[in-house]
Amino acid sequence: MKDLYGKLCSSLLEEYFGSIVQSVGNNLLCGKKTLRLIWFGTGLPLAKVKEGLCVLVKHGFVTYHQDEDNNIEYTIEQNKIIMLLRYPRFIFFVKTCCGDEAEVMIEEVLKHGYITASDVIIKTYKRIEQTPSKSAEVPSISQLKDIFELLLKNRFLMRSLSFDTKLQENDKPNYVLPNIDVRAIASKLQNQAADLPDKDVHWKVNFDRLIEDLRDQIIISAVNQRFDKNAAELMRRMIILMELRTLSWADTSNPIPFTEIREEIRKDPNYPELEQYLDQYLRLIEEDNSQFIKRVGDSGGGQYSIDMKNIFKELTWATIENIVTDKYGSKAARIFRLVRKEYDLGIDQIQRLAMLPAKEAKYLCYILAQENYMQIHERKRGGTSTGLTKGLFRFSIDLSKVVQMKIEHCCHALYNIIKRRDHETSSNRRMIEKQLRVQILSDNLKEHGATEQQLADIAEMMTPSESEQLEKAQNAIKKLAATELQIDETLFLLTLYFRYH
């Protein structure tokens, strides 16, 4: 597992930051080290090692602290490097909640690791000014300041105080916005000297908050697929009420009274059916086998709690069952569900309950056992003390072992996808660069009023065979990117299982 995780982290560092940062990161994957040991381990010039280490620290991938001998030791955080895969989802989520300008802001913070509020506003203004939208005007500095405040209000950003691991454990997140001088920012945009009052206050992305939001999205989407949009809205409202009275990552929420749920539903008139049949929806979700919510009291019309631990256990079971179905067919999935339900079954019982021929049942059982989706253990059959005892083979499922195995498979698949995408890009680099040159030349001629014939002549610089091959490569790269997102969704769900178990 560590080897696969390390290989994936190394590939991500190379893809996003280059070979120097990758070399420093690879050296730290072996364990925490001082600067001198990293220097000896990489064989790079000391200046390059410091440069790579600075990038890793700035993005939060490496933390440091002093040991008992006052030496600075650096430790790499592999889980944070894996989150590079989720940056597009984080950005899209922020865009959905706070708008296009907030999307640009969160991109800038992710790009720099940590940054001041004034610098974020300046960089966002310049980017929007360079690529203005046809349907909207460039926002003012005051508007961008309000959007930054909105990001803080939603806790998507927080103050960056220290990368010392010991300090991070004790410090609470700080969301207080310092003084931002709009006039000073305007002067900076005009290349004039100005003193920014918040130059010493840096901000970073609150990943824990974004992970929490993506977690909630998974739950709401699952309820929507299992029931309907009204049930999904009910679950969303209950999660909001849960956040007001329960710690973010608690296994089970504190009781939520029915009266509060009803008042929360009444705030939105877009779901009249939900308000009318609220009792029935609560009972429907409560009595479902998935048990996303539980009734924990009868006072005030009833009290309900959200069992987050059980939710992600059920979602993980469903994910594994889908994987078994896709790989081995519906009959294998039927056996998997039977063993999950009864926990400990013999081959004769599986054959009878699954209603399969003996040969086929044995084959599928041993295939699932061979692939570690099920475990075989032997139970001794009682007999005389003098005679030989015959063993009975039983099948069971250890969910934690299966989840660990699938996490390894996800990491391996993601590593292969990155390498395949790099191969497709490098092998077609010449055609990609040629197409880019043709596109730039065509755009320049359009600006100078070129004729249709001239533009057609420029387009013919790419031969039909080159265009066909390039289109094929681009389609392959797009499919790989889409597959990467889907696999990361599975990986994210499986890691959430271990966060609760």
Protein backbone atom coordinates (compact mmCIF):
# COMPACT_ATOMS: atom_id res chain seq x y z
CA MET A 1 0.00 0.00 0.00
CA LYS A 2 2.77 2.41 0.95
CA ASP A 3 4.59 1.73 -2.33
CA LEU A 4 1.47 2.41 -4.42
CA TYR A 5 0.59 5.50 -2.41
CA GLY A 6 4.17 6.76 -2.73
CA LYS A 7 4.28 6.16 -6.49
CA LEU A 8 1.02 8.07 -6.95
CA CYS A 9 2.27 10.96 -4.80
CA SER A 10 5.53 11.08 -6.76
CA SER A 11 3.66 11.19 -10.10
CA LEU A 12 1.38 13.99 -8.87
CA LEU A 13 4.33 16.07 -7.65
CA GLU A 14 6.07 15.67 -11.01
CA GLU A 15 2.92 16.54 -12.95
CA TYR A 16 2.09 19.67 -10.95
CA PHE A 17 5.49 20.97 -9.78
CA GLY A 18 8.27 19.40 -11.85
CA SER A 19 11.23 17.08 -11.31
CA ILE A 20 13.02 19.04 -8.55
CA VAL A 21 10.02 19.08 -6.22
CA GLN A 22 9.40 15.42 -7.10
CA SER A 23 12.97 14.49 -6.14
CA VAL A 24 12.71 16.25 -2.76
CA GLY A 25 9.28 14.69 -2.17
CA ASN A 26 10.54 11.19 -3.05
CA ASN A 27 13.35 11.58 -0.52
CA LEU A 28 10.88 12.56 2.22
CA LEU A 29 8.58 9.63 1.43
CA CYS A 30 11.15 7.44 3.20
CA GLY A 31 10.55 9.28 6.50
CA LYS A 32 11.13 12.60 8.24
CA LYS A 33 14.56 14.15 7.60
CA THR A 34 16.64 17.26 8.18
CA LEU A 35 17.69 19.56 5.34
CA ARG A 36 21.18 18.07 5.33
CA LEU A 37 19.89 14.52 4.92
CA ILE A 38 17.54 15.62 2.11
CA TRP A 39 20.48 17.32 0.38
CA PHE A 40 22.59 14.15 0.58
CA GLY A 41 19.67 11.94 -0.45
CA THR A 42 18.69 13.86 -3.60
CA GLY A 43 22.17 14.74 -4.87
CA LEU A 44 20.82 18.12 -6.03
CA PRO A 45 22.49 21.50 -5.37
CA LEU A 46 21.52 22.88 -1.96
CA ALA A 47 19.80 25.89 -3.54
CA LYS A 48 17.56 23.58 -5.60
CA VAL A 49 16.74 21.46 -2.55
CA LYS A 50 15.73 24.59 -0.61
CA GLU A 51 13.64 25.75 -3.56
CA GLY A 52 11.78 22.41 -3.81
CA LEU A 53 11.32 22.23 -0.05
CA CYS A 54 9.93 25.77 -0.02
CA VAL A 55 7.29 24.83 -2.61
CA LEU A 56 6.25 21.75 -0.61
CA VAL A 57 6.03 23.71 2.65
CA LYS A 58 4.12 26.56 1.05
CA HIS A 59 1.45 24.20 -0.28
CA GLY A 60 1.17 22.38 3.02
CA PHE A 61 2.55 19.09 1.69
CA VAL A 62 5.47 19.23 4.13
CA THR A 63 5.38 20.25 7.79
CA TYR A 64 8.34 20.91 10.05
CA HIS A 65 9.17 21.13 13.73
CA GLN A 66 12.19 21.24 16.00
CA ASP A 67 13.34 18.07 17.68
CA GLU A 68 14.95 17.81 21.12
CA ASP A 69 18.37 18.71 19.68
CA ASN A 70 16.94 21.88 18.02
CA ASN A 71 17.27 20.37 14.53
CA ILE A 72 14.52 21.20 12.04
CA GLU A 73 12.89 18.01 10.77
CA TYR A 74 10.63 17.88 7.72
CA THR A 75 7.72 15.45 7.32
CA ILE A 76 5.72 14.87 4.13
CA GLU A 77 1.91 14.60 4.26
CA GLN A 78 0.92 12.05 1.61
CA ASN A 79 -2.83 12.50 2.12
CA LYS A 80 -2.55 16.19 1.26
CA ILE A 81 -0.66 15.40 -1.96
CA ILE A 82 -3.43 12.99 -2.99
CA MET A 83 -5.88 15.89 -2.61
CA LEU A 84 -4.34 17.43 -5.75
CA LEU A 85 -6.68 15.06 -7.58
CA ARG A 86 -9.65 16.81 -5.94
CA TYR A 87 -8.69 20.40 -6.72
CA PRO A 88 -11.00 20.56 -9.79
CA ARG A 89 -13.94 19.37 -7.65
CA PHE A 90 -13.10 21.88 -4.92
CA ILE A 91 -12.96 24.71 -7.45
CA PHE A 92 -16.24 23.69 -9.08
CA PHE A 93 -17.96 23.44 -5.69
CA VAL A 94 -16.82 26.95 -4.71
CA LYS A 95 -17.98 28.27 -8.09
CA THR A 96 -21.42 26.72 -7.53
CA CYS A 97 -21.73 28.26 -4.07
CA CYS A 98 -20.13 31.69 -4.55
CA GLY A 99 -19.88 32.49 -8.27
CA ASP A 100 -17.27 32.84 -11.02
CA GLU A 101 -15.11 35.43 -9.24
CA ALA A 102 -14.86 33.17 -6.19
CA GLU A 103 -13.73 30.39 -8.51
CA VAL A 104 -10.81 32.52 -9.73
CA MET A 105 -9.93 33.46 -6.13
CA ILE A 106 -9.84 29.88 -4.90
CA GLU A 107 -7.70 28.95 -7.92
CA GLU A 108 -5.19 31.64 -6.99
CA VAL A 109 -5.00 30.48 -3.37
CA LEU A 110 -4.53 26.86 -4.48
CA LYS A 111 -1.86 27.93 -6.95
CA HIS A 112 0.17 29.84 -4.34
CA GLY A 113 -0.44 27.69 -1.28
CA TYR A 114 -0.96 30.71 0.96
CA ILE A 115 -1.39 34.36 0.01
CA THR A 116 -2.63 37.69 1.39
CA ALA A 117 -6.18 38.90 0.78
CA SER A 118 -4.97 41.99 -1.11
CA ASP A 119 -2.81 39.88 -3.44
CA VAL A 120 -5.75 37.56 -4.13
CA ILE A 121 -7.95 40.54 -5.06
CA ILE A 122 -5.22 42.04 -7.28
CA LYS A 123 -4.52 38.78 -9.13
CA THR A 124 -8.23 38.04 -9.54
CA TYR A 125 -8.91 41.52 -10.93
CA LYS A 126 -6.07 41.18 -13.46
CA ARG A 127 -7.23 37.75 -14.61
CA ILE A 128 -10.83 38.84 -15.08
CA GLU A 129 -9.67 42.02 -16.83
CA GLN A 130 -7.54 40.03 -19.28
CA THR A 131 -10.35 37.57 -20.09
CA PRO A 132 -13.58 39.55 -19.61
CA SER A 133 -16.89 37.79 -19.96
CA LYS A 134 -19.12 38.93 -22.79
CA SER A 135 -22.19 38.87 -20.56
CA ALA A 136 -20.76 40.67 -17.52
CA GLU A 137 -18.58 43.64 -16.63
CA VAL A 138 -15.32 43.44 -14.73
CA PRO A 139 -16.23 43.65 -11.01
CA SER A 140 -14.91 46.51 -8.92
CA ILE A 141 -12.32 46.08 -6.18
CA SER A 142 -15.03 46.58 -3.55
CA GLN A 143 -17.10 43.80 -5.09
CA LEU A 144 -14.09 41.48 -5.10
CA LYS A 145 -13.51 42.32 -1.44
CA ASP A 146 -17.12 41.33 -0.68
CA ILE A 147 -16.63 38.03 -2.54
CA PHE A 148 -13.50 37.35 -0.50
CA GLU A 149 -15.53 37.99 2.66
CA LEU A 150 -18.14 35.53 1.34
CA LEU A 151 -15.43 32.86 1.04
CA LEU A 152 -14.50 33.51 4.66
CA LYS A 153 -18.15 33.43 5.72
CA ASN A 154 -18.49 29.98 4.13
CA ARG A 155 -15.18 28.97 5.78
CA PHE A 156 -13.61 28.01 2.46
CA LEU A 157 -10.51 30.01 3.43
CA MET A 158 -8.77 30.40 6.78
CA ARG A 159 -5.72 32.13 8.17
CA SER A 160 -2.37 30.44 7.63
CA LEU A 161 -0.54 30.74 10.95
CA SER A 162 2.19 28.10 10.95
CA PHE A 163 3.26 24.85 9.34
CA ASP A 164 4.65 23.54 12.63
CA THR A 165 2.63 20.38 13.29
CA LYS A 166 2.62 20.93 17.05
CA LEU A 167 1.14 24.40 16.68
CA GLN A 168 -1.47 23.29 14.16
CA GLU A 169 -2.94 20.79 16.60
CA ASN A 170 -3.62 23.51 19.19
CA ASP A 171 -4.62 26.49 17.05
CA LYS A 172 -8.26 26.97 16.13
CA PRO A 173 -9.12 28.17 12.60
CA ASN A 174 -9.29 31.95 12.31
CA TYR A 175 -11.71 33.53 9.82
CA VAL A 176 -11.46 37.18 10.93
CA LEU A 177 -10.82 39.48 7.98
CA PRO A 178 -8.10 42.12 8.58
CA ASN A 179 -8.23 45.67 7.32
CA ILE A 180 -8.19 45.73 3.49
CA ASP A 181 -7.39 49.10 1.91
CA VAL A 182 -9.31 49.35 -1.37
CA ARG A 183 -7.47 52.52 -2.39
CA ALA A 184 -4.07 50.91 -1.84
CA ILE A 185 -5.12 47.95 -3.99
CA ALA A 186 -6.27 50.34 -6.74
CA SER A 187 -2.86 52.06 -6.59
CA LYS A 188 -1.10 48.71 -6.90
CA LEU A 189 -3.18 47.87 -9.96
CA GLN A 190 -1.95 51.12 -11.54
CA ASN A 191 1.68 50.15 -10.70
CA GLN A 192 1.94 52.85 -8.05
CA ALA A 193 3.66 52.47 -4.69
CA ALA A 194 1.24 51.65 -1.86
CA ASP A 195 1.40 50.10 1.58
CA LEU A 196 -0.99 47.18 2.02
CA PRO A 197 -2.08 46.91 5.68
CA ASP A 198 -2.69 43.14 5.49
CA LYS A 199 0.71 42.21 4.02
CA ASP A 200 1.53 39.99 7.03
CA VAL A 201 -1.81 38.11 7.13
CA HIS A 202 -1.87 35.08 4.84
CA TRP A 203 -4.77 32.84 3.87
CA LYS A 204 -4.98 29.21 2.78
CA VAL A 205 -7.73 26.86 1.67
CA ASN A 206 -9.69 25.16 4.44
CA PHE A 207 -9.55 21.65 2.98
CA ASP A 208 -11.35 20.09 5.93
CA ARG A 209 -14.38 22.26 5.23
CA LEU A 210 -14.38 21.41 1.51
CA ILE A 211 -14.02 17.69 2.24
CA GLU A 212 -16.96 18.00 4.62
CA ASP A 213 -19.05 19.63 1.89
CA LEU A 214 -18.16 16.95 -0.65
CA ARG A 215 -19.05 14.34 1.98
CA ASP A 216 -22.49 15.94 2.38
CA GLN A 217 -22.95 15.99 -1.39
CA ILE A 218 -22.33 12.23 -1.53
CA ILE A 219 -25.03 11.62 1.09
CA ILE A 220 -27.56 13.92 -0.58
CA SER A 221 -26.91 12.36 -4.00
CA ALA A 222 -27.31 8.85 -2.55
CA VAL A 223 -30.68 9.77 -0.98
CA ASN A 224 -31.81 11.35 -4.25
CA GLN A 225 -30.97 8.18 -6.21
CA ARG A 226 -32.62 5.90 -3.65
CA PHE A 227 -35.79 7.99 -3.13
CA ASP A 228 -36.42 11.32 -4.88
CA LYS A 229 -35.46 15.00 -4.86
CA ASN A 230 -37.78 15.78 -1.92
CA ALA A 231 -36.05 13.19 0.26
CA ALA A 232 -32.69 14.59 -0.85
CA GLU A 233 -33.77 18.10 0.16
CA LEU A 234 -34.93 16.76 3.52
CA MET A 235 -31.53 15.16 4.09
CA ARG A 236 -29.78 18.39 3.08
CA ARG A 237 -31.81 20.38 5.59
CA MET A 238 -31.15 17.84 8.32
CA ILE A 239 -27.40 18.04 7.64
CA ILE A 240 -27.61 21.83 8.06
CA LEU A 241 -29.36 21.35 11.40
CA MET A 242 -26.78 18.72 12.35
CA GLU A 243 -23.94 21.22 11.82
CA LEU A 244 -25.53 23.60 14.34
CA ARG A 245 -25.51 21.10 17.21
CA THR A 246 -22.86 18.45 16.43
CA LEU A 247 -19.12 18.34 15.73
CA SER A 248 -18.34 18.12 12.01
CA TRP A 249 -16.93 14.60 12.04
CA ALA A 250 -18.98 13.04 14.83
CA ASP A 251 -20.16 9.46 14.17
CA THR A 252 -23.79 10.31 15.01
CA SER A 253 -25.54 13.67 15.22
CA ASN A 254 -27.22 14.92 18.36
CA PRO A 255 -31.03 14.53 18.31
CA ILE A 256 -32.85 16.88 15.90
CA PRO A 257 -36.45 17.68 16.94
CA PHE A 258 -39.22 17.27 14.39
CA THR A 259 -40.40 20.84 15.02
CA GLU A 260 -37.01 22.25 13.95
CA ILE A 261 -36.99 20.08 10.83
CA ARG A 262 -40.47 21.33 9.92
CA GLU A 263 -39.49 24.98 10.47
CA GLU A 264 -36.37 24.52 8.35
CA ILE A 265 -38.41 22.98 5.51
CA ARG A 266 -40.93 25.85 5.61
CA LYS A 267 -38.17 28.37 4.85
CA ASP A 268 -38.07 27.17 1.23
CA PRO A 269 -41.41 27.28 -0.66
CA ASN A 270 -39.97 25.33 -3.61
CA TYR A 271 -40.77 21.97 -2.02
CA PRO A 272 -44.50 22.01 -1.19
CA GLU A 273 -44.81 18.19 -1.36
CA LEU A 274 -42.01 17.79 1.16
CA GLU A 275 -43.73 20.12 3.61
CA GLN A 276 -47.08 18.36 3.11
CA TYR A 277 -45.73 14.81 3.49
CA LEU A 278 -42.84 15.46 5.87
CA ASP A 279 -43.94 12.73 8.31
CA GLN A 280 -44.08 10.14 5.54
CA TYR A 281 -40.66 11.09 4.15
CA LEU A 282 -39.06 10.86 7.58
CA ARG A 283 -40.65 7.46 8.16
CA LEU A 284 -39.64 6.28 4.68
CA ILE A 285 -35.95 7.12 5.19
CA GLU A 286 -36.00 5.85 8.77
CA GLU A 287 -37.48 2.44 7.89
CA ASP A 288 -35.25 1.91 4.85
CA ASN A 289 -32.55 -0.76 5.19
CA SER A 290 -29.82 1.85 4.67
CA GLN A 291 -30.85 3.59 7.94
CA PHE A 292 -29.50 7.02 7.00
CA ILE A 293 -31.52 8.51 9.86
CA LYS A 294 -32.80 7.00 13.11
CA ARG A 295 -35.67 7.95 15.40
CA VAL A 296 -34.15 8.41 18.87
CA GLY A 297 -37.05 9.96 20.82
CA ASP A 298 -40.77 10.75 20.79
CA SER A 299 -40.93 14.13 22.51
CA GLY A 300 -42.01 17.15 20.44
CA GLY A 301 -43.32 15.03 17.56
CA GLY A 302 -40.21 12.88 17.46
CA GLN A 303 -36.44 13.32 17.45
CA TYR A 304 -34.08 12.09 14.74
CA SER A 305 -30.35 11.66 14.36
CA ILE A 306 -28.11 11.17 11.33
CA ASP A 307 -25.85 8.14 11.66
CA MET A 308 -22.84 9.21 9.58
CA LYS A 309 -20.82 6.13 10.48
CA ASN A 310 -23.55 3.79 9.28
CA ILE A 311 -24.20 5.89 6.16
CA PHE A 312 -20.65 5.47 4.91
CA LYS A 313 -20.62 1.82 5.86
CA GLU A 314 -23.72 1.26 3.70
CA LEU A 315 -22.37 3.37 0.83
CA THR A 316 -19.10 1.44 0.95
CA TRP A 317 -20.94 -1.92 0.85
CA ALA A 318 -22.93 -0.68 -2.16
CA THR A 319 -19.75 0.47 -3.93
CA ILE A 320 -18.00 -2.87 -3.38
CA GLU A 321 -21.10 -4.77 -4.56
CA ASN A 322 -21.18 -2.69 -7.75
CA ILE A 323 -17.50 -3.46 -8.35
CA VAL A 324 -18.14 -7.19 -7.88
CA THR A 325 -21.10 -7.01 -10.29
CA ASP A 326 -19.05 -5.23 -12.96
CA LYS A 327 -16.08 -7.60 -12.66
CA TYR A 328 -17.69 -10.99 -12.06
CA GLY A 329 -21.39 -10.65 -12.93
CA SER A 330 -24.71 -10.60 -11.11
CA LYS A 331 -24.44 -14.17 -9.78
CA ALA A 332 -21.17 -13.37 -8.01
CA ALA A 333 -22.76 -10.23 -6.58
CA ARG A 334 -25.68 -12.38 -5.32
CA ILE A 335 -23.22 -14.62 -3.46
CA PHE A 336 -21.39 -11.57 -2.10
CA ARG A 337 -24.65 -10.13 -0.73
CA LEU A 338 -25.59 -13.47 0.86
CA VAL A 339 -22.27 -13.81 2.66
CA ARG A 340 -22.50 -10.18 3.75
CA LYS A 341 -25.96 -10.73 5.21
CA GLU A 342 -25.31 -14.06 6.92
CA TYR A 343 -21.62 -13.32 7.59
CA ASP A 344 -20.51 -16.96 7.91
CA LEU A 345 -21.70 -19.52 5.33
CA GLY A 346 -20.58 -22.88 4.01
CA ILE A 347 -20.50 -23.70 0.32
CA ASP A 348 -23.63 -25.89 0.57
CA GLN A 349 -25.59 -23.07 2.20
CA ILE A 350 -24.41 -20.59 -0.43
CA GLN A 351 -25.41 -22.96 -3.23
CA ARG A 352 -28.88 -23.48 -1.74
CA LEU A 353 -29.61 -19.82 -0.84
CA ALA A 354 -28.21 -18.39 -4.08
CA MET A 355 -30.09 -21.05 -6.10
CA LEU A 356 -27.06 -21.84 -8.25
CA PRO A 357 -25.65 -25.17 -9.53
CA ALA A 358 -23.01 -26.63 -7.24
CA LYS A 359 -20.19 -26.30 -9.77
CA GLU A 360 -20.96 -22.67 -10.58
CA ALA A 361 -21.41 -21.70 -6.92
CA LYS A 362 -18.06 -23.27 -5.98
CA TYR A 363 -16.31 -21.59 -8.90
CA LEU A 364 -17.64 -18.12 -8.06
CA CYS A 365 -16.97 -18.54 -4.34
CA TYR A 366 -13.35 -19.49 -4.88
CA ILE A 367 -12.87 -16.74 -7.47
CA LEU A 368 -14.12 -14.15 -4.94
CA ALA A 369 -11.93 -15.70 -2.27
CA GLN A 370 -8.91 -15.75 -4.56
CA GLU A 371 -9.42 -12.05 -5.36
CA ASN A 372 -9.77 -11.32 -1.60
CA TYR A 373 -13.38 -10.15 -1.74
CA MET A 374 -14.20 -13.00 0.66
CA GLN A 375 -12.14 -14.84 3.24
CA ILE A 376 -12.05 -18.62 3.76
CA HIS A 377 -11.62 -20.14 7.18
CA GLU A 378 -11.83 -23.73 8.29
CA ARG A 379 -14.13 -24.92 11.05
CA LYS A 380 -13.35 -28.34 12.51
CA ARG A 381 -16.17 -30.85 12.43
CA GLY A 382 -16.70 -32.75 15.66
CA GLY A 383 -15.67 -36.42 15.63
CA THR A 384 -14.21 -39.20 17.72
CA SER A 385 -10.88 -38.68 19.39
CA THR A 386 -9.38 -41.59 17.47
CA GLY A 387 -10.67 -40.81 14.02
CA LEU A 388 -9.67 -38.04 11.61
CA THR A 389 -11.79 -34.87 11.68
CA LYS A 390 -12.93 -33.39 8.43
CA GLY A 391 -12.77 -29.59 8.09
CA LEU A 392 -15.66 -27.44 6.93
CA PHE A 393 -14.72 -24.43 4.82
CA ARG A 394 -16.72 -21.29 5.62
CA PHE A 395 -16.85 -17.97 3.79
CA SER A 396 -17.01 -14.53 5.39
CA ILE A 397 -16.27 -10.92 4.44
CA ASP A 398 -13.91 -8.56 6.25
CA LEU A 399 -15.06 -5.19 4.93
CA SER A 400 -11.99 -3.29 6.18
CA LYS A 401 -9.65 -5.64 4.29
CA VAL A 402 -11.73 -5.35 1.13
CA VAL A 403 -11.79 -1.54 1.36
CA GLN A 404 -8.03 -1.45 1.91
CA MET A 405 -7.56 -3.62 -1.19
CA LYS A 406 -9.80 -1.37 -3.31
CA ILE A 407 -7.92 1.73 -2.15
CA GLU A 408 -4.73 0.08 -3.39
CA HIS A 409 -6.42 -0.71 -6.71
CA CYS A 410 -7.60 2.91 -7.03
CA CYS A 411 -4.09 4.26 -6.36
CA HIS A 412 -2.62 1.83 -8.90
CA ALA A 413 -5.23 2.79 -11.52
CA LEU A 414 -4.66 6.51 -10.94
CA TYR A 415 -0.90 6.05 -11.28
CA ASN A 416 -1.37 4.17 -14.57
CA ILE A 417 -3.74 6.85 -15.88
CA ILE A 418 -1.22 9.63 -15.15
CA LYS A 419 1.56 7.71 -16.88
CA ARG A 420 -0.63 6.90 -19.88
CA ARG A 421 -1.70 10.53 -20.20
CA ASP A 422 1.93 11.65 -20.08
CA HIS A 423 2.75 9.12 -22.80
CA GLU A 424 -0.10 10.33 -25.04
CA THR A 425 0.98 13.96 -24.56
CA SER A 426 4.70 13.37 -25.16
CA SER A 427 4.22 11.12 -28.19
CA ASN A 428 1.95 13.71 -29.87
CA ARG A 429 3.77 16.81 -28.65
CA ARG A 430 4.91 17.86 -32.12
CA MET A 431 1.37 17.85 -33.53
CA ILE A 432 -0.05 19.60 -30.45
CA GLU A 433 2.53 22.39 -30.78
CA LYS A 434 1.89 22.62 -34.53
CA GLN A 435 -1.87 22.95 -33.98
CA LEU A 436 -1.23 25.66 -31.39
CA ARG A 437 0.95 27.62 -33.82
CA VAL A 438 -1.69 27.31 -36.54
CA GLN A 439 -4.39 28.51 -34.13
CA ILE A 440 -2.33 31.54 -33.01
CA LEU A 441 -1.53 32.45 -36.62
CA SER A 442 -5.20 32.11 -37.61
CA ASP A 443 -6.32 34.31 -34.70
CA ASN A 444 -3.77 36.99 -35.58
CA LEU A 445 -4.90 37.02 -39.22
CA LYS A 446 -8.55 37.34 -38.13
CA GLU A 447 -7.68 40.43 -36.10
CA HIS A 448 -6.06 41.99 -39.19
CA GLY A 449 -9.05 41.25 -41.42
CA ALA A 450 -7.85 38.21 -43.34
CA THR A 451 -10.06 36.72 -46.03
CA GLU A 452 -11.76 33.32 -45.82
CA GLN A 453 -9.34 31.95 -48.41
CA GLN A 454 -6.31 33.01 -46.36
CA LEU A 455 -7.76 31.40 -43.25
CA ALA A 456 -8.48 28.21 -45.19
CA ASP A 457 -4.87 28.13 -46.45
CA ILE A 458 -3.61 28.44 -42.87
CA ALA A 459 -5.92 25.60 -41.73
CA GLU A 460 -4.49 23.35 -44.47
CA MET A 461 -1.09 23.48 -42.78
CA MET A 462 -2.42 20.59 -40.68
CA THR A 463 -2.70 17.57 -42.98
CA PRO A 464 -5.81 15.32 -42.71
CA SER A 465 -3.76 12.47 -41.25
CA GLU A 466 -2.25 14.77 -38.61
CA SER A 467 -5.65 16.16 -37.72
CA GLU A 468 -7.10 12.67 -37.40
CA GLN A 469 -4.25 11.43 -35.23
CA LEU A 470 -4.37 14.56 -33.06
CA GLU A 471 -8.13 14.22 -32.57
CA LYS A 472 -7.65 10.60 -31.57
CA ALA A 473 -4.99 11.56 -29.01
CA GLN A 474 -7.12 14.39 -27.60
CA ASN A 475 -10.11 12.07 -27.20
CA ALA A 476 -7.92 9.55 -25.39
CA ILE A 477 -6.62 12.25 -23.04
CA LYS A 478 -10.18 13.43 -22.32
CA LYS A 479 -11.31 9.87 -21.54
CA LEU A 480 -8.35 9.41 -19.22
CA ALA A 481 -9.18 12.67 -17.43
CA ALA A 482 -12.82 11.63 -16.99
CA THR A 483 -11.76 8.21 -15.73
CA GLU A 484 -9.38 9.83 -13.26
CA LEU A 485 -12.23 11.87 -11.76
CA GLN A 486 -14.46 8.80 -11.46
CA ILE A 487 -11.78 6.71 -9.77
CA ASP A 488 -10.97 9.54 -7.38
CA GLU A 489 -14.66 9.72 -6.41
CA THR A 490 -14.47 6.04 -5.43
CA LEU A 491 -11.18 6.60 -3.60
CA PHE A 492 -12.68 9.56 -1.73
CA LEU A 493 -15.67 7.50 -0.58
CA LEU A 494 -13.46 4.62 0.58
CA THR A 495 -11.17 6.95 2.54
CA LEU A 496 -14.24 8.44 4.23
CA TYR A 497 -15.15 4.93 5.38
CA PHE A 498 -11.84 4.66 7.23
CA ARG A 499 -12.32 8.13 8.68
CA TYR A 500 -15.40 6.85 10.53
CA HIS A 501 -14.22 3.28 11.25
